[in-house]
Amino acid sequence: MKVRVDAQRCQGHTLCAMAAPEVFELSDIDGHASVVDEDVPADLEEKVREAARSCPEQAITVF
């Protein structure tokens, strides 16, 4: 599984980082999320799916 954050859509709600802090990091400047590594370890896949579902802006793509 892979994951990406659309920087144009992300509004910095931080819900993804709360759901999967091992996968998402937040910018110190604007709070927007980015992915630490787009390759998601198997044991974190459900957390990443939850993060994608919780994103109000639908900025997270899981594939």
PDB file of N, CA and C in Angstrom:
ATOM      1  N   MET A   1       0.838  -1.175   0.000  1.00  0.00           N
ATOM      2  CA  MET A   1       0.000   0.000   0.000  1.00  0.00           C
ATOM      3  C   MET A   1       0.886   1.242   0.000  1.00  0.00           C
ATOM      4  N   LYS A   2       0.411   2.252  -0.706  1.00  0.00           N
ATOM      5  CA  LYS A   2       1.104   3.539  -0.744  1.00  0.00           C
ATOM      6  C   LYS A   2       0.110   4.628  -0.354  1.00  0.00           C
ATOM      7  N   VAL A   3       0.646   5.767   0.073  1.00  0.00           N
ATOM      8  CA  VAL A   3      -0.209   6.883   0.477  1.00  0.00           C
ATOM      9  C   VAL A   3       0.439   8.197   0.046  1.00  0.00           C
ATOM     10  N   ARG A   4      -0.414   9.138  -0.313  1.00  0.00           N
ATOM     11  CA  ARG A   4       0.056  10.481  -0.680  1.00  0.00           C
ATOM     12  C   ARG A   4      -0.902  11.515  -0.100  1.00  0.00           C
ATOM     13  N   VAL A   5      -0.360  12.711   0.116  1.00  0.00           N
ATOM     14  CA  VAL A   5      -1.173  13.852   0.559  1.00  0.00           C
ATOM     15  C   VAL A   5      -1.121  14.899  -0.537  1.00  0.00           C
ATOM     16  N   ASP A   6      -2.277  15.363  -0.964  1.00  0.00           N
ATOM     17  CA  ASP A   6      -2.369  16.431  -1.951  1.00  0.00           C
ATOM     18  C   ASP A   6      -2.160  17.757  -1.218  1.00  0.00           C
ATOM     19  N   ALA A   7      -1.014  18.359  -1.434  1.00  0.00           N
ATOM     20  CA  ALA A   7      -0.654  19.604  -0.735  1.00  0.00           C
ATOM     21  C   ALA A   7      -1.610  20.747  -1.068  1.00  0.00           C
ATOM     22  N   GLN A   8      -2.222  20.712  -2.235  1.00  0.00           N
ATOM     23  CA  GLN A   8      -3.162  21.765  -2.624  1.00  0.00           C
ATOM     24  C   GLN A   8      -4.480  21.655  -1.858  1.00  0.00           C
ATOM     25  N   ARG A   9      -4.850  20.454  -1.448  1.00  0.00           N
ATOM     26  CA  ARG A   9      -6.111  20.238  -0.744  1.00  0.00           C
ATOM     27  C   ARG A   9      -5.972  20.300   0.770  1.00  0.00           C
ATOM     28  N   CYS A  10      -4.820  19.905   1.293  1.00  0.00           N
ATOM     29  CA  CYS A  10      -4.618  19.841   2.739  1.00  0.00           C
ATOM     30  C   CYS A  10      -4.783  21.228   3.358  1.00  0.00           C
ATOM     31  N   GLN A  11      -5.580  21.283   4.429  1.00  0.00           N
ATOM     32  CA  GLN A  11      -5.812  22.536   5.137  1.00  0.00           C
ATOM     33  C   GLN A  11      -5.235  22.526   6.548  1.00  0.00           C
ATOM     34  N   GLY A  12      -4.516  21.466   6.889  1.00  0.00           N
ATOM     35  CA  GLY A  12      -3.850  21.415   8.183  1.00  0.00           C
ATOM     36  C   GLY A  12      -4.752  21.102   9.353  1.00  0.00           C
ATOM     37  N   HIS A  13      -5.765  20.265   9.157  1.00  0.00           N
ATOM     38  CA  HIS A  13      -6.660  19.891  10.251  1.00  0.00           C
ATOM     39  C   HIS A  13      -5.973  18.968  11.259  1.00  0.00           C
ATOM     40  N   THR A  14      -4.902  18.316  10.882  1.00  0.00           N
ATOM     41  CA  THR A  14      -4.040  17.437  11.702  1.00  0.00           C
ATOM     42  C   THR A  14      -4.656  16.091  12.072  1.00  0.00           C
ATOM     43  N   LEU A  15      -5.834  15.769  11.563  1.00  0.00           N
ATOM     44  CA  LEU A  15      -6.475  14.505  11.914  1.00  0.00           C
ATOM     45  C   LEU A  15      -5.667  13.305  11.444  1.00  0.00           C
ATOM     46  N   CYS A  16      -5.009  13.419  10.306  1.00  0.00           N
ATOM     47  CA  CYS A  16      -4.206  12.302   9.798  1.00  0.00           C
ATOM     48  C   CYS A  16      -3.035  12.006  10.727  1.00  0.00           C
ATOM     49  N   ALA A  17      -2.383  13.037  11.200  1.00  0.00           N
ATOM     50  CA  ALA A  17      -1.243  12.847  12.099  1.00  0.00           C
ATOM     51  C   ALA A  17      -1.690  12.286  13.448  1.00  0.00           C
ATOM     52  N   MET A  18      -2.904  12.582  13.849  1.00  0.00           N
ATOM     53  CA  MET A  18      -3.418  12.005  15.091  1.00  0.00           C
ATOM     54  C   MET A  18      -3.736  10.520  14.897  1.00  0.00           C
ATOM     55  N   ALA A  19      -4.230  10.166  13.709  1.00  0.00           N
ATOM     56  CA  ALA A  19      -4.592   8.768  13.432  1.00  0.00           C
ATOM     57  C   ALA A  19      -3.367   7.905  13.155  1.00  0.00           C
ATOM     58  N   ALA A  20      -2.378   8.459  12.480  1.00  0.00           N
ATOM     59  CA  ALA A  20      -1.194   7.678  12.093  1.00  0.00           C
ATOM     60  C   ALA A  20       0.067   8.546  12.164  1.00  0.00           C
ATOM     61  N   PRO A  21       0.502   8.875  13.370  1.00  0.00           N
ATOM     62  CA  PRO A  21       1.671   9.762  13.512  1.00  0.00           C
ATOM     63  C   PRO A  21       2.968   9.180  12.962  1.00  0.00           C
ATOM     64  N   GLU A  22       3.005   7.857  12.790  1.00  0.00           N
ATOM     65  CA  GLU A  22       4.202   7.227  12.228  1.00  0.00           C
ATOM     66  C   GLU A  22       4.323   7.470  10.722  1.00  0.00           C
ATOM     67  N   VAL A  23       3.209   7.846  10.087  1.00  0.00           N
ATOM     68  CA  VAL A  23       3.167   7.975   8.624  1.00  0.00           C
ATOM     69  C   VAL A  23       3.091   9.431   8.171  1.00  0.00           C
ATOM     70  N   PHE A  24       2.383  10.269   8.932  1.00  0.00           N
ATOM     71  CA  PHE A  24       2.177  11.658   8.540  1.00  0.00           C
ATOM     72  C   PHE A  24       2.945  12.594   9.453  1.00  0.00           C
ATOM     73  N   GLU A  25       3.555  13.609   8.838  1.00  0.00           N
ATOM     74  CA  GLU A  25       4.224  14.643   9.627  1.00  0.00           C
ATOM     75  C   GLU A  25       3.611  15.981   9.266  1.00  0.00           C
ATOM     76  N   LEU A  26       3.651  16.908  10.207  1.00  0.00           N
ATOM     77  CA  LEU A  26       3.047  18.219  10.016  1.00  0.00           C
ATOM     78  C   LEU A  26       4.119  19.288   9.880  1.00  0.00           C
ATOM     79  N   SER A  27       3.884  20.217   8.994  1.00  0.00           N
ATOM     80  CA  SER A  27       4.800  21.337   8.784  1.00  0.00           C
ATOM     81  C   SER A  27       4.783  22.261   9.991  1.00  0.00           C
ATOM     82  N   ASP A  28       5.948  22.683  10.422  1.00  0.00           N
ATOM     83  CA  ASP A  28       6.053  23.652  11.508  1.00  0.00           C
ATOM     84  C   ASP A  28       5.568  25.028  11.069  1.00  0.00           C
ATOM     85  N   ILE A  29       5.555  25.263   9.779  1.00  0.00           N
ATOM     86  CA  ILE A  29       5.189  26.566   9.243  1.00  0.00           C
ATOM     87  C   ILE A  29       3.672  26.754   9.154  1.00  0.00           C
ATOM     88  N   ASP A  30       2.990  25.791   8.509  1.00  0.00           N
ATOM     89  CA  ASP A  30       1.551  25.974   8.293  1.00  0.00           C
ATOM     90  C   ASP A  30       0.690  24.817   8.807  1.00  0.00           C
ATOM     91  N   GLY A  31       1.309  23.790   9.371  1.00  0.00           N
ATOM     92  CA  GLY A  31       0.554  22.670   9.904  1.00  0.00           C
ATOM     93  C   GLY A  31       0.066  21.674   8.877  1.00  0.00           C
ATOM     94  N   HIS A  32       0.384  21.911   7.609  1.00  0.00           N
ATOM     95  CA  HIS A  32      -0.056  20.989   6.567  1.00  0.00           C
ATOM     96  C   HIS A  32       0.703  19.679   6.661  1.00  0.00           C
ATOM     97  N   ALA A  33       0.025  18.602   6.267  1.00  0.00           N
ATOM     98  CA  ALA A  33       0.593  17.261   6.383  1.00  0.00           C
ATOM     99  C   ALA A  33       1.384  16.866   5.144  1.00  0.00           C
ATOM    100  N   SER A  34       2.347  16.008   5.384  1.00  0.00           N
ATOM    101  CA  SER A  34       3.058  15.326   4.303  1.00  0.00           C
ATOM    102  C   SER A  34       3.317  13.910   4.789  1.00  0.00           C
ATOM    103  N   VAL A  35       3.740  13.068   3.873  1.00  0.00           N
ATOM    104  CA  VAL A  35       3.967  11.666   4.182  1.00  0.00           C
ATOM    105  C   VAL A  35       5.452  11.446   4.439  1.00  0.00           C
ATOM    106  N   VAL A  36       5.763  10.750   5.514  1.00  0.00           N
ATOM    107  CA  VAL A  36       7.156  10.437   5.848  1.00  0.00           C
ATOM    108  C   VAL A  36       7.738   9.527   4.772  1.00  0.00           C
ATOM    109  N   ASP A  37       6.986   8.470   4.401  1.00  0.00           N
ATOM    110  CA  ASP A  37       7.387   7.515   3.364  1.00  0.00           C
ATOM    111  C   ASP A  37       6.105   7.010   2.726  1.00  0.00           C
ATOM    112  N   GLU A  38       5.981   7.128   1.408  1.00  0.00           N
ATOM    113  CA  GLU A  38       4.723   6.744   0.763  1.00  0.00           C
ATOM    114  C   GLU A  38       4.449   5.243   0.838  1.00  0.00           C
ATOM    115  N   ASP A  39       5.456   4.428   1.100  1.00  0.00           N
ATOM    116  CA  ASP A  39       5.261   2.988   1.274  1.00  0.00           C
ATOM    117  C   ASP A  39       4.845   2.717   2.721  1.00  0.00           C
ATOM    118  N   VAL A  40       3.612   2.258   2.891  1.00  0.00           N
ATOM    119  CA  VAL A  40       3.061   2.050   4.227  1.00  0.00           C
ATOM    120  C   VAL A  40       3.346   0.628   4.704  1.00  0.00           C
ATOM    121  N   PRO A  41       3.958   0.471   5.871  1.00  0.00           N
ATOM    122  CA  PRO A  41       4.160  -0.866   6.419  1.00  0.00           C
ATOM    123  C   PRO A  41       2.808  -1.546   6.679  1.00  0.00           C
ATOM    124  N   ALA A  42       2.765  -2.851   6.525  1.00  0.00           N
ATOM    125  CA  ALA A  42       1.516  -3.605   6.660  1.00  0.00           C
ATOM    126  C   ALA A  42       0.830  -3.358   7.998  1.00  0.00           C
ATOM    127  N   ASP A  43       1.595  -3.214   9.067  1.00  0.00           N
ATOM    128  CA  ASP A  43       0.984  -3.034  10.386  1.00  0.00           C
ATOM    129  C   ASP A  43       0.370  -1.649  10.596  1.00  0.00           C
ATOM    130  N   LEU A  44       0.604  -0.730   9.660  1.00  0.00           N
ATOM    131  CA  LEU A  44       0.040   0.623   9.775  1.00  0.00           C
ATOM    132  C   LEU A  44      -1.058   0.898   8.751  1.00  0.00           C
ATOM    133  N   GLU A  45      -1.371  -0.080   7.912  1.00  0.00           N
ATOM    134  CA  GLU A  45      -2.343   0.143   6.839  1.00  0.00           C
ATOM    135  C   GLU A  45      -3.708   0.586   7.353  1.00  0.00           C
ATOM    136  N   GLU A  46      -4.220  -0.034   8.391  1.00  0.00           N
ATOM    137  CA  GLU A  46      -5.543   0.347   8.903  1.00  0.00           C
ATOM    138  C   GLU A  46      -5.533   1.767   9.463  1.00  0.00           C
ATOM    139  N   LYS A  47      -4.447   2.162  10.125  1.00  0.00           N
ATOM    140  CA  LYS A  47      -4.334   3.533  10.633  1.00  0.00           C
ATOM    141  C   LYS A  47      -4.358   4.533   9.481  1.00  0.00           C
ATOM    142  N   VAL A  48      -3.686   4.197   8.377  1.00  0.00           N
ATOM    143  CA  VAL A  48      -3.645   5.094   7.219  1.00  0.00           C
ATOM    144  C   VAL A  48      -5.018   5.182   6.562  1.00  0.00           C
ATOM    145  N   ARG A  49      -5.714   4.059   6.481  1.00  0.00           N
ATOM    146  CA  ARG A  49      -7.078   4.101   5.935  1.00  0.00           C
ATOM    147  C   ARG A  49      -7.978   4.985   6.798  1.00  0.00           C
ATOM    148  N   GLU A  50      -7.842   4.869   8.100  1.00  0.00           N
ATOM    149  CA  GLU A  50      -8.619   5.703   9.017  1.00  0.00           C
ATOM    150  C   GLU A  50      -8.267   7.181   8.822  1.00  0.00           C
ATOM    151  N   ALA A  51      -6.996   7.475   8.653  1.00  0.00           N
ATOM    152  CA  ALA A  51      -6.564   8.853   8.418  1.00  0.00           C
ATOM    153  C   ALA A  51      -7.197   9.395   7.140  1.00  0.00           C
ATOM    154  N   ALA A  52      -7.216   8.596   6.097  1.00  0.00           N
ATOM    155  CA  ALA A  52      -7.809   9.024   4.827  1.00  0.00           C
ATOM    156  C   ALA A  52      -9.303   9.269   4.995  1.00  0.00           C
ATOM    157  N   ARG A  53      -9.982   8.395   5.716  1.00  0.00           N
ATOM    158  CA  ARG A  53     -11.431   8.564   5.944  1.00  0.00           C
ATOM    159  C   ARG A  53     -11.727   9.806   6.781  1.00  0.00           C
ATOM    160  N   SER A  54     -10.831  10.147   7.686  1.00  0.00           N
ATOM    161  CA  SER A  54     -11.085  11.270   8.588  1.00  0.00           C
ATOM    162  C   SER A  54     -10.728  12.631   7.999  1.00  0.00           C
ATOM    163  N   CYS A  55     -10.055  12.659   6.871  1.00  0.00           N
ATOM    164  CA  CYS A  55      -9.618  13.932   6.282  1.00  0.00           C
ATOM    165  C   CYS A  55     -10.812  14.712   5.716  1.00  0.00           C
ATOM    166  N   PRO A  56     -11.136  15.874   6.289  1.00  0.00           N
ATOM    167  CA  PRO A  56     -12.273  16.661   5.807  1.00  0.00           C
ATOM    168  C   PRO A  56     -12.103  17.145   4.369  1.00  0.00           C
ATOM    169  N   GLU A  57     -10.867  17.310   3.949  1.00  0.00           N
ATOM    170  CA  GLU A  57     -10.598  17.837   2.608  1.00  0.00           C
ATOM    171  C   GLU A  57     -10.387  16.731   1.582  1.00  0.00           C
ATOM    172  N   GLN A  58     -10.418  15.457   2.011  1.00  0.00           N
ATOM    173  CA  GLN A  58     -10.149  14.318   1.151  1.00  0.00           C
ATOM    174  C   GLN A  58      -8.822  14.492   0.408  1.00  0.00           C
ATOM    175  N   ALA A  59      -7.818  14.927   1.162  1.00  0.00           N
ATOM    176  CA  ALA A  59      -6.499  15.216   0.598  1.00  0.00           C
ATOM    177  C   ALA A  59      -5.578  13.990   0.586  1.00  0.00           C
ATOM    178  N   ILE A  60      -6.016  12.892   1.179  1.00  0.00           N
ATOM    179  CA  ILE A  60      -5.161  11.702   1.300  1.00  0.00           C
ATOM    180  C   ILE A  60      -5.621  10.658   0.301  1.00  0.00           C
ATOM    181  N   THR A  61      -4.679  10.164  -0.498  1.00  0.00           N
ATOM    182  CA  THR A  61      -4.945   9.106  -1.455  1.00  0.00           C
ATOM    183  C   THR A  61      -4.203   7.850  -1.021  1.00  0.00           C
ATOM    184  N   VAL A  62      -4.939   6.755  -0.924  1.00  0.00           N
ATOM    185  CA  VAL A  62      -4.372   5.462  -0.582  1.00  0.00           C
ATOM    186  C   VAL A  62      -4.481   4.591  -1.825  1.00  0.00           C
ATOM    187  N   PHE A  63      -3.371   3.962  -2.199  1.00  0.00           N
ATOM    188  CA  PHE A  63      -3.400   3.097  -3.397  1.00  0.00           C
ATOM    189  C   PHE A  63      -2.456   1.938  -3.246  1.00  0.00           C
TER     190      PHE A  63
END
